[in-house]
Amino acid sequence: VISEVLNSVGRVCLSRGEYRSAMSYHQHSMSLLTSIHGDIGDFNDQKLRQHQPSYARTLICIGRIHDARGKLSRAMRYYSKGLHLLKVCLGNEHLDIAATLNSIGSVHEKWRQYDKAMDCYTEALWIYRLRLGNVHVDVAVTLNYTGQVHQYWGEYDEAMKAYAESLQVMKCVLGPEHRNVAATMYNIGLVSAERGSYEEAISKYRKVLKIQRNALGDTHVDVALTLESMATANESLEKHDEAYRLYCKALRVRRIAVGKKHLFVGMTLDRIGKFHLKLGEYLEAKRRFRDAASLYVLNNISNEHVLMRECMEHLAWLDHELSGYEKVAVQGKRRDAFFDGR
């Protein structure tokens, strides 16, 4: 029981982005289990079935921390070991197995192994439908995941079909004004944007924003994400002033919602950096990327993580480009000094 409480506190810490605290709680849980029951490698079949779920859930919790920090290989090792233990103890159709399959699918998705991701999501969806029926939040969430993979594949009709079913379930179970309804509508807006229907996407985002503000308030992280996507759609329409206004508003909301040093703030700074880079505003882009990279380091984001890798690539390119401008500027000053001397 104590180990489950420790894991629950760890999950709360993870939801707040407090990775070190979360890891401390989960490691304490594992140490407690080992001290009471012994090493899992020494268990007989009866003891495995009695205590294994607690070990498995703790391993999976640790995996989620590594996942959030971008340490995907470590995350996959913990997820896979936890999944194996759950199957030995609970069989192949338990709800915990479906949840873990979704986590493993997410890692494959981040690795762009979309076939493997879809296999995980499809199996999880089958388990959820079997155990919970077709009208359940977990079914809707997993449908969203399958929609994302179809979206990555460019199968927009299939993506819309999955999102539409998810939206119908969400509205039925949670009501039309729930934040999860807004999240699914947001995904539909993303598909519209990827199809080049930017005005349609903005219209959808406005509806999402209304639900989010009513359900969550004006300074929630979900509001910031929607504002940022609205900015991106306006940027694609070359409405640069409106795009910049929305990017800055998203940054302000994120700083209020999660604090100035949070990973999400770094991600928004990164996106604003790309905006300036696209407009050829290199100095401002460099400043934004540098601030983003500092926050990634502060939040223990590894160099292998796509966020850090792309940010550093942009900074390296800007350093190269700006060094050329600096050389031209120095040469110009020397030339001016020469003629002034004459």
C-alpha atoms as a PDB file:
ATOM      1  CA  VAL A   1       0.000   0.000   0.000  1.00  0.00           C
ATOM      2  CA  ILE A   2       2.788   2.431   0.905  1.00  0.00           C
ATOM      3  CA  SER A   3       4.520   1.755  -2.413  1.00  0.00           C
ATOM      4  CA  GLU A   4       1.315   2.648  -4.283  1.00  0.00           C
ATOM      5  CA  VAL A   5       1.034   5.898  -2.307  1.00  0.00           C
ATOM      6  CA  LEU A   6       4.640   6.740  -3.177  1.00  0.00           C
ATOM      7  CA  ASN A   7       3.934   6.017  -6.837  1.00  0.00           C
ATOM      8  CA  SER A   8       0.820   8.218  -6.709  1.00  0.00           C
ATOM      9  CA  VAL A   9       2.823  11.138  -5.321  1.00  0.00           C
ATOM     10  CA  GLY A  10       5.482  10.506  -7.955  1.00  0.00           C
ATOM     11  CA  ARG A  11       2.860  10.686 -10.702  1.00  0.00           C
ATOM     12  CA  VAL A  12       1.674  14.052  -9.378  1.00  0.00           C
ATOM     13  CA  CYS A  13       5.263  15.341  -9.401  1.00  0.00           C
ATOM     14  CA  LEU A  14       5.681  14.121 -12.971  1.00  0.00           C
ATOM     15  CA  SER A  15       2.507  15.928 -14.067  1.00  0.00           C
ATOM     16  CA  ARG A  16       4.069  19.127 -12.716  1.00  0.00           C
ATOM     17  CA  GLY A  17       7.338  18.546 -14.542  1.00  0.00           C
ATOM     18  CA  GLU A  18       9.180  17.870 -11.266  1.00  0.00           C
ATOM     19  CA  TYR A  19      11.219  14.983 -12.637  1.00  0.00           C
ATOM     20  CA  ARG A  20      13.767  14.618  -9.862  1.00  0.00           C
ATOM     21  CA  SER A  21      11.131  14.546  -7.148  1.00  0.00           C
ATOM     22  CA  ALA A  22       9.071  12.060  -9.136  1.00  0.00           C
ATOM     23  CA  MET A  23      12.065   9.774  -9.619  1.00  0.00           C
ATOM     24  CA  SER A  24      12.868   9.964  -5.913  1.00  0.00           C
ATOM     25  CA  TYR A  25       9.373   8.758  -4.960  1.00  0.00           C
ATOM     26  CA  HIS A  26       9.353   5.908  -7.466  1.00  0.00           C
ATOM     27  CA  GLN A  27      12.836   4.746  -6.492  1.00  0.00           C
ATOM     28  CA  HIS A  28      11.785   4.850  -2.849  1.00  0.00           C
ATOM     29  CA  SER A  29       8.792   2.698  -3.801  1.00  0.00           C
ATOM     30  CA  MET A  30      11.036   0.167  -5.529  1.00  0.00           C
ATOM     31  CA  SER A  31      13.478   0.085  -2.603  1.00  0.00           C
ATOM     32  CA  LEU A  32      10.596  -0.465  -0.196  1.00  0.00           C
ATOM     33  CA  LEU A  33       9.214  -3.354  -2.275  1.00  0.00           C
ATOM     34  CA  THR A  34      12.637  -4.968  -2.490  1.00  0.00           C
ATOM     35  CA  SER A  35      13.313  -4.604   1.238  1.00  0.00           C
ATOM     36  CA  ILE A  36       9.970  -6.208   2.149  1.00  0.00           C
ATOM     37  CA  HIS A  37       9.551  -8.866  -0.538  1.00  0.00           C
ATOM     38  CA  GLY A  38      13.072  -9.359  -1.867  1.00  0.00           C
ATOM     39  CA  ASP A  39      14.478  -9.129  -5.374  1.00  0.00           C
ATOM     40  CA  ILE A  40      11.923  -9.992  -8.034  1.00  0.00           C
ATOM     41  CA  GLY A  41      14.392 -12.362  -9.693  1.00  0.00           C
ATOM     42  CA  ASP A  42      14.146 -14.643  -6.662  1.00  0.00           C
ATOM     43  CA  PHE A  43      10.334 -14.969  -6.726  1.00  0.00           C
ATOM     44  CA  ASN A  44       8.535 -18.280  -7.229  1.00  0.00           C
ATOM     45  CA  ASP A  45       5.339 -18.407  -9.296  1.00  0.00           C
ATOM     46  CA  GLN A  46       3.010 -17.834  -6.343  1.00  0.00           C
ATOM     47  CA  LYS A  47       5.011 -14.883  -5.036  1.00  0.00           C
ATOM     48  CA  LEU A  48       5.226 -13.461  -8.554  1.00  0.00           C
ATOM     49  CA  ARG A  49       1.447 -13.345  -8.868  1.00  0.00           C
ATOM     50  CA  GLN A  50       1.082 -11.864  -5.390  1.00  0.00           C
ATOM     51  CA  HIS A  51       3.562  -8.984  -5.607  1.00  0.00           C
ATOM     52  CA  GLN A  52       4.535  -8.604  -9.243  1.00  0.00           C
ATOM     53  CA  PRO A  53       1.961  -5.918 -10.197  1.00  0.00           C
ATOM     54  CA  SER A  54       3.463  -3.490  -7.665  1.00  0.00           C
ATOM     55  CA  TYR A  55       6.955  -4.010  -9.090  1.00  0.00           C
ATOM     56  CA  ALA A  56       5.640  -3.718 -12.640  1.00  0.00           C
ATOM     57  CA  ARG A  57       3.731  -0.487 -11.984  1.00  0.00           C
ATOM     58  CA  THR A  58       6.763   1.078 -10.319  1.00  0.00           C
ATOM     59  CA  LEU A  59       8.965   0.158 -13.278  1.00  0.00           C
ATOM     60  CA  ILE A  60       6.418   1.684 -15.640  1.00  0.00           C
ATOM     61  CA  CYS A  61       6.266   4.877 -13.549  1.00  0.00           C
ATOM     62  CA  ILE A  62      10.063   5.195 -13.762  1.00  0.00           C
ATOM     63  CA  GLY A  63       9.805   4.615 -17.494  1.00  0.00           C
ATOM     64  CA  ARG A  64       7.400   7.532 -17.818  1.00  0.00           C
ATOM     65  CA  ILE A  65       9.920   9.876 -16.173  1.00  0.00           C
ATOM     66  CA  HIS A  66      12.647   8.825 -18.621  1.00  0.00           C
ATOM     67  CA  ASP A  67      10.104   9.233 -21.415  1.00  0.00           C
ATOM     68  CA  ALA A  68       9.265  12.793 -20.338  1.00  0.00           C
ATOM     69  CA  ARG A  69      12.967  13.661 -20.113  1.00  0.00           C
ATOM     70  CA  GLY A  70      13.610  12.391 -23.626  1.00  0.00           C
ATOM     71  CA  LYS A  71      15.608   9.348 -22.522  1.00  0.00           C
ATOM     72  CA  LEU A  72      13.590   7.095 -24.755  1.00  0.00           C
ATOM     73  CA  SER A  73      15.849   4.032 -24.748  1.00  0.00           C
ATOM     74  CA  ARG A  74      15.727   3.888 -20.967  1.00  0.00           C
ATOM     75  CA  ALA A  75      11.989   4.491 -21.002  1.00  0.00           C
ATOM     76  CA  MET A  76      11.467   1.609 -23.407  1.00  0.00           C
ATOM     77  CA  ARG A  77      13.513  -0.758 -21.231  1.00  0.00           C
ATOM     78  CA  TYR A  78      11.396   0.032 -18.167  1.00  0.00           C
ATOM     79  CA  TYR A  79       8.130  -0.121 -20.117  1.00  0.00           C
ATOM     80  CA  SER A  80       9.026  -3.446 -21.718  1.00  0.00           C
ATOM     81  CA  LYS A  81      10.074  -5.048 -18.448  1.00  0.00           C
ATOM     82  CA  GLY A  82       6.962  -3.747 -16.704  1.00  0.00           C
ATOM     83  CA  LEU A  83       4.725  -5.002 -19.522  1.00  0.00           C
ATOM     84  CA  HIS A  84       6.290  -8.458 -19.379  1.00  0.00           C
ATOM     85  CA  LEU A  85       5.716  -8.686 -15.626  1.00  0.00           C
ATOM     86  CA  LEU A  86       2.115  -7.520 -15.963  1.00  0.00           C
ATOM     87  CA  LYS A  87       1.360 -10.129 -18.616  1.00  0.00           C
ATOM     88  CA  VAL A  88       2.864 -12.921 -16.500  1.00  0.00           C
ATOM     89  CA  CYS A  89       0.743 -11.876 -13.541  1.00  0.00           C
ATOM     90  CA  LEU A  90      -2.476 -10.504 -15.053  1.00  0.00           C
ATOM     91  CA  GLY A  91      -2.806 -12.105 -18.478  1.00  0.00           C
ATOM     92  CA  ASN A  92      -3.001 -10.316 -21.819  1.00  0.00           C
ATOM     93  CA  GLU A  93      -6.289  -8.445 -21.452  1.00  0.00           C
ATOM     94  CA  HIS A  94      -5.840  -6.343 -18.312  1.00  0.00           C
ATOM     95  CA  LEU A  95      -6.438  -2.593 -18.420  1.00  0.00           C
ATOM     96  CA  ASP A  96      -2.934  -1.887 -17.040  1.00  0.00           C
ATOM     97  CA  ILE A  97      -1.529  -3.704 -20.058  1.00  0.00           C
ATOM     98  CA  ALA A  98      -3.539  -1.484 -22.418  1.00  0.00           C
ATOM     99  CA  ALA A  99      -2.220   1.644 -20.673  1.00  0.00           C
ATOM    100  CA  THR A 100       1.357   0.384 -20.910  1.00  0.00           C
ATOM    101  CA  LEU A 101       0.929  -0.493 -24.581  1.00  0.00           C
ATOM    102  CA  ASN A 102      -0.130   3.117 -25.183  1.00  0.00           C
ATOM    103  CA  SER A 103       3.037   4.327 -23.432  1.00  0.00           C
ATOM    104  CA  ILE A 104       5.217   2.004 -25.532  1.00  0.00           C
ATOM    105  CA  GLY A 105       3.373   3.130 -28.653  1.00  0.00           C
ATOM    106  CA  SER A 106       4.160   6.726 -27.754  1.00  0.00           C
ATOM    107  CA  VAL A 107       7.893   5.966 -27.630  1.00  0.00           C
ATOM    108  CA  HIS A 108       7.743   4.241 -31.016  1.00  0.00           C
ATOM    109  CA  GLU A 109       5.892   7.291 -32.315  1.00  0.00           C
ATOM    110  CA  LYS A 110       8.654   9.588 -31.070  1.00  0.00           C
ATOM    111  CA  TRP A 111      11.171   7.349 -32.823  1.00  0.00           C
ATOM    112  CA  ARG A 112       8.990   7.635 -35.937  1.00  0.00           C
ATOM    113  CA  GLN A 113       8.409   3.889 -35.885  1.00  0.00           C
ATOM    114  CA  TYR A 114       4.801   4.401 -36.806  1.00  0.00           C
ATOM    115  CA  ASP A 115       4.022   0.804 -37.753  1.00  0.00           C
ATOM    116  CA  LYS A 116       5.084  -0.386 -34.293  1.00  0.00           C
ATOM    117  CA  ALA A 117       3.234   2.491 -32.646  1.00  0.00           C
ATOM    118  CA  MET A 118       0.042   1.612 -34.485  1.00  0.00           C
ATOM    119  CA  ASP A 119       0.397  -2.051 -33.481  1.00  0.00           C
ATOM    120  CA  CYS A 120       0.566  -1.001 -29.816  1.00  0.00           C
ATOM    121  CA  TYR A 121      -2.357   1.401 -30.075  1.00  0.00           C
ATOM    122  CA  THR A 122      -4.486  -1.130 -31.950  1.00  0.00           C
ATOM    123  CA  GLU A 123      -3.883  -3.815 -29.313  1.00  0.00           C
ATOM    124  CA  ALA A 124      -4.609  -1.324 -26.516  1.00  0.00           C
ATOM    125  CA  LEU A 125      -7.808  -0.222 -28.246  1.00  0.00           C
ATOM    126  CA  TRP A 126      -8.932  -3.872 -28.570  1.00  0.00           C
ATOM    127  CA  ILE A 127      -8.368  -4.428 -24.834  1.00  0.00           C
ATOM    128  CA  TYR A 128     -10.221  -1.248 -23.859  1.00  0.00           C
ATOM    129  CA  ARG A 129     -13.208  -2.079 -26.086  1.00  0.00           C
ATOM    130  CA  LEU A 130     -13.258  -5.625 -24.715  1.00  0.00           C
ATOM    131  CA  ARG A 131     -13.115  -4.607 -21.067  1.00  0.00           C
ATOM    132  CA  LEU A 132     -14.870  -1.226 -21.074  1.00  0.00           C
ATOM    133  CA  GLY A 133     -17.132  -1.186 -24.119  1.00  0.00           C
ATOM    134  CA  ASN A 134     -17.059   1.322 -26.976  1.00  0.00           C
ATOM    135  CA  VAL A 135     -18.200   4.363 -24.995  1.00  0.00           C
ATOM    136  CA  HIS A 136     -15.392   5.044 -22.543  1.00  0.00           C
ATOM    137  CA  VAL A 137     -12.795   7.791 -22.160  1.00  0.00           C
ATOM    138  CA  ASP A 138      -9.866   5.370 -22.504  1.00  0.00           C
ATOM    139  CA  VAL A 139     -11.297   4.182 -25.812  1.00  0.00           C
ATOM    140  CA  ALA A 140     -11.582   7.792 -26.988  1.00  0.00           C
ATOM    141  CA  VAL A 141      -8.015   8.632 -25.903  1.00  0.00           C
ATOM    142  CA  THR A 142      -6.607   5.617 -27.738  1.00  0.00           C
ATOM    143  CA  LEU A 143      -8.609   6.492 -30.845  1.00  0.00           C
ATOM    144  CA  ASN A 144      -6.863   9.859 -30.682  1.00  0.00           C
ATOM    145  CA  TYR A 145      -3.507   8.068 -30.671  1.00  0.00           C
ATOM    146  CA  THR A 146      -4.415   6.042 -33.749  1.00  0.00           C
ATOM    147  CA  GLY A 147      -5.572   9.256 -35.403  1.00  0.00           C
ATOM    148  CA  GLN A 148      -2.162  10.813 -34.753  1.00  0.00           C
ATOM    149  CA  VAL A 149      -0.391   7.960 -36.539  1.00  0.00           C
ATOM    150  CA  HIS A 150      -2.738   8.226 -39.526  1.00  0.00           C
ATOM    151  CA  GLN A 151      -2.005  11.944 -39.494  1.00  0.00           C
ATOM    152  CA  TYR A 152       1.769  11.336 -39.583  1.00  0.00           C
ATOM    153  CA  TRP A 153       1.246   8.959 -42.495  1.00  0.00           C
ATOM    154  CA  GLY A 154      -0.676  11.656 -44.326  1.00  0.00           C
ATOM    155  CA  GLU A 155      -3.850   9.541 -44.182  1.00  0.00           C
ATOM    156  CA  TYR A 156      -6.007  12.504 -43.286  1.00  0.00           C
ATOM    157  CA  ASP A 157      -9.370  10.859 -43.980  1.00  0.00           C
ATOM    158  CA  GLU A 158      -8.490   7.986 -41.621  1.00  0.00           C
ATOM    159  CA  ALA A 159      -7.211  10.458 -39.044  1.00  0.00           C
ATOM    160  CA  MET A 160     -10.424  12.467 -39.219  1.00  0.00           C
ATOM    161  CA  LYS A 161     -12.458   9.258 -38.892  1.00  0.00           C
ATOM    162  CA  ALA A 162     -10.595   8.291 -35.700  1.00  0.00           C
ATOM    163  CA  TYR A 163     -10.836  11.818 -34.265  1.00  0.00           C
ATOM    164  CA  ALA A 164     -14.535  12.066 -35.108  1.00  0.00           C
ATOM    165  CA  GLU A 165     -15.299   8.801 -33.283  1.00  0.00           C
ATOM    166  CA  SER A 166     -13.169   9.941 -30.359  1.00  0.00           C
ATOM    167  CA  LEU A 167     -14.999  13.274 -30.247  1.00  0.00           C
ATOM    168  CA  GLN A 168     -18.380  11.564 -30.264  1.00  0.00           C
ATOM    169  CA  VAL A 169     -17.372   9.328 -27.336  1.00  0.00           C
ATOM    170  CA  MET A 170     -15.856  12.250 -25.414  1.00  0.00           C
ATOM    171  CA  LYS A 171     -19.020  14.346 -25.777  1.00  0.00           C
ATOM    172  CA  CYS A 172     -21.219  11.407 -24.776  1.00  0.00           C
ATOM    173  CA  VAL A 173     -19.199  10.544 -21.660  1.00  0.00           C
ATOM    174  CA  LEU A 174     -17.898  13.940 -20.558  1.00  0.00           C
ATOM    175  CA  GLY A 175     -20.252  16.504 -22.067  1.00  0.00           C
ATOM    176  CA  PRO A 176     -19.560  19.052 -24.825  1.00  0.00           C
ATOM    177  CA  GLU A 177     -17.664  21.533 -22.642  1.00  0.00           C
ATOM    178  CA  HIS A 178     -15.000  19.201 -21.248  1.00  0.00           C
ATOM    179  CA  ARG A 179     -11.284  19.850 -21.770  1.00  0.00           C
ATOM    180  CA  ASN A 180     -10.854  16.418 -23.438  1.00  0.00           C
ATOM    181  CA  VAL A 181     -13.490  17.394 -25.987  1.00  0.00           C
ATOM    182  CA  ALA A 182     -11.432  20.503 -26.691  1.00  0.00           C
ATOM    183  CA  ALA A 183      -8.282  18.381 -27.040  1.00  0.00           C
ATOM    184  CA  THR A 184      -9.904  16.181 -29.688  1.00  0.00           C
ATOM    185  CA  MET A 185     -11.272  19.213 -31.544  1.00  0.00           C
ATOM    186  CA  TYR A 186      -7.748  20.619 -31.403  1.00  0.00           C
ATOM    187  CA  ASN A 187      -6.416  17.519 -33.187  1.00  0.00           C
ATOM    188  CA  ILE A 188      -9.050  17.979 -35.881  1.00  0.00           C
ATOM    189  CA  GLY A 189      -7.816  21.552 -36.272  1.00  0.00           C
ATOM    190  CA  LEU A 190      -4.268  20.250 -36.716  1.00  0.00           C
ATOM    191  CA  VAL A 191      -5.401  18.008 -39.571  1.00  0.00           C
ATOM    192  CA  SER A 192      -7.103  20.976 -41.244  1.00  0.00           C
ATOM    193  CA  ALA A 193      -3.871  22.960 -40.916  1.00  0.00           C
ATOM    194  CA  GLU A 194      -1.795  20.131 -42.393  1.00  0.00           C
ATOM    195  CA  ARG A 195      -4.187  19.978 -45.328  1.00  0.00           C
ATOM    196  CA  GLY A 196      -3.528  23.659 -45.911  1.00  0.00           C
ATOM    197  CA  SER A 197      -6.991  24.722 -44.741  1.00  0.00           C
ATOM    198  CA  TYR A 198      -5.600  27.332 -42.358  1.00  0.00           C
ATOM    199  CA  GLU A 199      -8.738  29.451 -42.042  1.00  0.00           C
ATOM    200  CA  GLU A 200     -10.713  26.306 -41.158  1.00  0.00           C
ATOM    201  CA  ALA A 201      -8.045  25.365 -38.621  1.00  0.00           C
ATOM    202  CA  ILE A 202      -8.173  28.825 -37.003  1.00  0.00           C
ATOM    203  CA  SER A 203     -11.962  28.585 -36.780  1.00  0.00           C
ATOM    204  CA  LYS A 204     -11.635  25.230 -35.016  1.00  0.00           C
ATOM    205  CA  TYR A 205      -8.946  26.594 -32.671  1.00  0.00           C
ATOM    206  CA  ARG A 206     -11.229  29.479 -31.678  1.00  0.00           C
ATOM    207  CA  LYS A 207     -13.918  26.979 -30.610  1.00  0.00           C
ATOM    208  CA  VAL A 208     -11.278  24.995 -28.722  1.00  0.00           C
ATOM    209  CA  LEU A 209     -10.061  28.141 -27.006  1.00  0.00           C
ATOM    210  CA  LYS A 210     -13.574  29.026 -25.848  1.00  0.00           C
ATOM    211  CA  ILE A 211     -14.055  25.602 -24.226  1.00  0.00           C
ATOM    212  CA  GLN A 212     -10.602  25.664 -22.655  1.00  0.00           C
ATOM    213  CA  ARG A 213     -11.047  29.117 -21.150  1.00  0.00           C
ATOM    214  CA  ASN A 214     -14.451  28.182 -19.719  1.00  0.00           C
ATOM    215  CA  ALA A 215     -13.187  24.867 -18.343  1.00  0.00           C
ATOM    216  CA  LEU A 216      -9.635  25.784 -17.331  1.00  0.00           C
ATOM    217  CA  GLY A 217      -9.326  29.557 -17.160  1.00  0.00           C
ATOM    218  CA  ASP A 218      -7.289  31.981 -19.258  1.00  0.00           C
ATOM    219  CA  THR A 219      -3.861  30.962 -17.975  1.00  0.00           C
ATOM    220  CA  HIS A 220      -3.776  27.190 -18.438  1.00  0.00           C
ATOM    221  CA  VAL A 221      -1.098  25.360 -20.416  1.00  0.00           C
ATOM    222  CA  ASP A 222      -3.726  24.007 -22.839  1.00  0.00           C
ATOM    223  CA  VAL A 223      -4.758  27.577 -23.644  1.00  0.00           C
ATOM    224  CA  ALA A 224      -1.120  28.400 -24.410  1.00  0.00           C
ATOM    225  CA  LEU A 225      -0.821  25.431 -26.778  1.00  0.00           C
ATOM    226  CA  THR A 226      -3.933  26.461 -28.705  1.00  0.00           C
ATOM    227  CA  LEU A 227      -2.734  30.065 -28.939  1.00  0.00           C
ATOM    228  CA  GLU A 228       0.574  28.806 -30.318  1.00  0.00           C
ATOM    229  CA  SER A 229      -1.162  26.696 -32.959  1.00  0.00           C
ATOM    230  CA  MET A 230      -3.327  29.662 -33.930  1.00  0.00           C
ATOM    231  CA  ALA A 231      -0.114  31.651 -34.304  1.00  0.00           C
ATOM    232  CA  THR A 232       1.377  28.986 -36.562  1.00  0.00           C
ATOM    233  CA  ALA A 233      -1.731  28.955 -38.774  1.00  0.00           C
ATOM    234  CA  ASN A 234      -1.607  32.755 -39.077  1.00  0.00           C
ATOM    235  CA  GLU A 235       2.092  32.519 -39.884  1.00  0.00           C
ATOM    236  CA  SER A 236       1.268  30.120 -42.723  1.00  0.00           C
ATOM    237  CA  LEU A 237      -1.216  32.707 -44.026  1.00  0.00           C
ATOM    238  CA  GLU A 238       1.632  35.270 -43.824  1.00  0.00           C
ATOM    239  CA  LYS A 239      -0.262  37.265 -41.213  1.00  0.00           C
ATOM    240  CA  HIS A 240       3.004  37.855 -39.375  1.00  0.00           C
ATOM    241  CA  ASP A 241       1.855  40.587 -36.991  1.00  0.00           C
ATOM    242  CA  GLU A 242      -1.065  38.484 -35.761  1.00  0.00           C
ATOM    243  CA  ALA A 243       1.158  35.420 -35.553  1.00  0.00           C
ATOM    244  CA  TYR A 244       3.770  37.225 -33.455  1.00  0.00           C
ATOM    245  CA  ARG A 245       1.078  38.643 -31.163  1.00  0.00           C
ATOM    246  CA  LEU A 246      -0.307  35.152 -30.548  1.00  0.00           C
ATOM    247  CA  TYR A 247       3.143  33.618 -30.018  1.00  0.00           C
ATOM    248  CA  CYS A 248       3.942  36.243 -27.388  1.00  0.00           C
ATOM    249  CA  LYS A 249       0.567  35.710 -25.724  1.00  0.00           C
ATOM    250  CA  ALA A 250       1.188  31.955 -25.636  1.00  0.00           C
ATOM    251  CA  LEU A 251       4.588  32.591 -24.034  1.00  0.00           C
ATOM    252  CA  ARG A 252       3.058  34.830 -21.355  1.00  0.00           C
ATOM    253  CA  VAL A 253       0.362  32.270 -20.542  1.00  0.00           C
ATOM    254  CA  ARG A 254       2.877  29.447 -20.269  1.00  0.00           C
ATOM    255  CA  ARG A 255       5.113  31.452 -17.950  1.00  0.00           C
ATOM    256  CA  ILE A 256       2.135  32.191 -15.706  1.00  0.00           C
ATOM    257  CA  ALA A 257       0.823  28.619 -15.843  1.00  0.00           C
ATOM    258  CA  VAL A 258       4.014  26.657 -15.182  1.00  0.00           C
ATOM    259  CA  GLY A 259       6.713  29.166 -14.231  1.00  0.00           C
ATOM    260  CA  LYS A 260       9.490  30.801 -16.240  1.00  0.00           C
ATOM    261  CA  LYS A 261      11.864  27.833 -16.011  1.00  0.00           C
ATOM    262  CA  HIS A 262       9.512  25.079 -17.200  1.00  0.00           C
ATOM    263  CA  LEU A 263      10.199  22.905 -20.238  1.00  0.00           C
ATOM    264  CA  PHE A 264       7.006  24.118 -21.944  1.00  0.00           C
ATOM    265  CA  VAL A 265       8.303  27.699 -21.816  1.00  0.00           C
ATOM    266  CA  GLY A 266      11.463  26.522 -23.559  1.00  0.00           C
ATOM    267  CA  MET A 267       9.372  24.890 -26.279  1.00  0.00           C
ATOM    268  CA  THR A 268       7.474  28.120 -26.935  1.00  0.00           C
ATOM    269  CA  LEU A 269      10.713  30.118 -27.039  1.00  0.00           C
ATOM    270  CA  ASP A 270      12.011  27.561 -29.533  1.00  0.00           C
ATOM    271  CA  ARG A 271       8.924  28.042 -31.728  1.00  0.00           C
ATOM    272  CA  ILE A 272       9.288  31.839 -31.625  1.00  0.00           C
ATOM    273  CA  GLY A 273      12.934  31.391 -32.595  1.00  0.00           C
ATOM    274  CA  LYS A 274      11.835  29.485 -35.704  1.00  0.00           C
ATOM    275  CA  PHE A 275       9.401  32.304 -36.510  1.00  0.00           C
ATOM    276  CA  HIS A 276      12.196  34.904 -36.422  1.00  0.00           C
ATOM    277  CA  LEU A 277      14.491  32.592 -38.378  1.00  0.00           C
ATOM    278  CA  LYS A 278      11.923  32.250 -41.139  1.00  0.00           C
ATOM    279  CA  LEU A 279      11.662  36.052 -41.376  1.00  0.00           C
ATOM    280  CA  GLY A 280      15.454  36.429 -41.522  1.00  0.00           C
ATOM    281  CA  GLU A 281      15.612  38.092 -38.102  1.00  0.00           C
ATOM    282  CA  TYR A 282      18.736  36.184 -37.104  1.00  0.00           C
ATOM    283  CA  LEU A 283      19.785  38.035 -33.966  1.00  0.00           C
ATOM    284  CA  GLU A 284      16.344  37.730 -32.411  1.00  0.00           C
ATOM    285  CA  ALA A 285      16.135  34.091 -33.504  1.00  0.00           C
ATOM    286  CA  LYS A 286      19.485  33.360 -31.866  1.00  0.00           C
ATOM    287  CA  ARG A 287      18.366  34.986 -28.620  1.00  0.00           C
ATOM    288  CA  ARG A 288      15.191  32.885 -28.513  1.00  0.00           C
ATOM    289  CA  PHE A 289      16.984  29.623 -29.364  1.00  0.00           C
ATOM    290  CA  ARG A 290      19.663  30.315 -26.757  1.00  0.00           C
ATOM    291  CA  ASP A 291      17.023  30.922 -24.081  1.00  0.00           C
ATOM    292  CA  ALA A 292      15.219  27.739 -25.135  1.00  0.00           C
ATOM    293  CA  ALA A 293      18.414  25.674 -24.988  1.00  0.00           C
ATOM    294  CA  SER A 294      19.149  26.992 -21.487  1.00  0.00           C
ATOM    295  CA  LEU A 295      15.743  25.835 -20.294  1.00  0.00           C
ATOM    296  CA  TYR A 296      16.205  22.437 -21.932  1.00  0.00           C
ATOM    297  CA  VAL A 297      19.451  21.994 -20.010  1.00  0.00           C
ATOM    298  CA  LEU A 298      17.801  23.188 -16.803  1.00  0.00           C
ATOM    299  CA  ASN A 299      15.057  20.583 -17.269  1.00  0.00           C
ATOM    300  CA  ASN A 300      17.576  17.772 -17.876  1.00  0.00           C
ATOM    301  CA  ILE A 301      16.600  17.266 -21.506  1.00  0.00           C
ATOM    302  CA  SER A 302      19.187  14.979 -23.069  1.00  0.00           C
ATOM    303  CA  ASN A 303      21.215  15.837 -26.162  1.00  0.00           C
ATOM    304  CA  GLU A 304      19.561  12.960 -28.038  1.00  0.00           C
ATOM    305  CA  HIS A 305      16.097  14.466 -27.559  1.00  0.00           C
ATOM    306  CA  VAL A 306      14.688  15.966 -30.746  1.00  0.00           C
ATOM    307  CA  LEU A 307      14.007  19.315 -29.022  1.00  0.00           C
ATOM    308  CA  MET A 308      17.600  19.794 -27.907  1.00  0.00           C
ATOM    309  CA  ARG A 309      19.090  18.402 -31.101  1.00  0.00           C
ATOM    310  CA  GLU A 310      17.117  20.695 -33.414  1.00  0.00           C
ATOM    311  CA  CYS A 311      17.653  23.734 -31.178  1.00  0.00           C
ATOM    312  CA  MET A 312      21.428  23.248 -31.171  1.00  0.00           C
ATOM    313  CA  GLU A 313      21.431  22.735 -34.948  1.00  0.00           C
ATOM    314  CA  HIS A 314      19.649  26.069 -35.399  1.00  0.00           C
ATOM    315  CA  LEU A 315      22.112  27.817 -33.077  1.00  0.00           C
ATOM    316  CA  ALA A 316      25.092  26.347 -34.915  1.00  0.00           C
ATOM    317  CA  TRP A 317      23.696  27.496 -38.262  1.00  0.00           C
ATOM    318  CA  LEU A 318      22.990  30.988 -36.916  1.00  0.00           C
ATOM    319  CA  ASP A 319      26.480  31.255 -35.417  1.00  0.00           C
ATOM    320  CA  HIS A 320      27.928  30.427 -38.827  1.00  0.00           C
ATOM    321  CA  GLU A 321      25.723  32.912 -40.659  1.00  0.00           C
ATOM    322  CA  LEU A 322      26.178  35.714 -38.147  1.00  0.00           C
ATOM    323  CA  SER A 323      29.957  35.262 -38.051  1.00  0.00           C
ATOM    324  CA  GLY A 324      29.977  36.024 -41.767  1.00  0.00           C
ATOM    325  CA  TYR A 325      27.984  39.212 -41.205  1.00  0.00           C
ATOM    326  CA  GLU A 326      30.317  40.204 -38.370  1.00  0.00           C
ATOM    327  CA  LYS A 327      33.364  39.799 -40.640  1.00  0.00           C
ATOM    328  CA  VAL A 328      31.707  41.999 -43.283  1.00  0.00           C
ATOM    329  CA  ALA A 329      30.865  44.585 -40.619  1.00  0.00           C
ATOM    330  CA  VAL A 330      34.447  44.622 -39.305  1.00  0.00           C
ATOM    331  CA  GLN A 331      35.859  44.979 -42.818  1.00  0.00           C
ATOM    332  CA  GLY A 332      33.443  47.833 -43.462  1.00  0.00           C
ATOM    333  CA  LYS A 333      34.561  49.643 -40.313  1.00  0.00           C
ATOM    334  CA  ARG A 334      38.222  49.248 -41.310  1.00  0.00           C
ATOM    335  CA  ARG A 335      37.487  50.569 -44.803  1.00  0.00           C
ATOM    336  CA  ASP A 336      35.647  53.575 -43.334  1.00  0.00           C
ATOM    337  CA  ALA A 337      38.521  54.226 -40.936  1.00  0.00           C
ATOM    338  CA  PHE A 338      40.993  54.107 -43.847  1.00  0.00           C
ATOM    339  CA  PHE A 339      39.092  56.712 -45.863  1.00  0.00           C
ATOM    340  CA  ASP A 340      38.520  58.856 -42.770  1.00  0.00           C
ATOM    341  CA  GLY A 341      42.287  58.738 -42.181  1.00  0.00           C
ATOM    342  CA  ARG A 342      42.957  59.973 -45.674  1.00  0.00           C
END
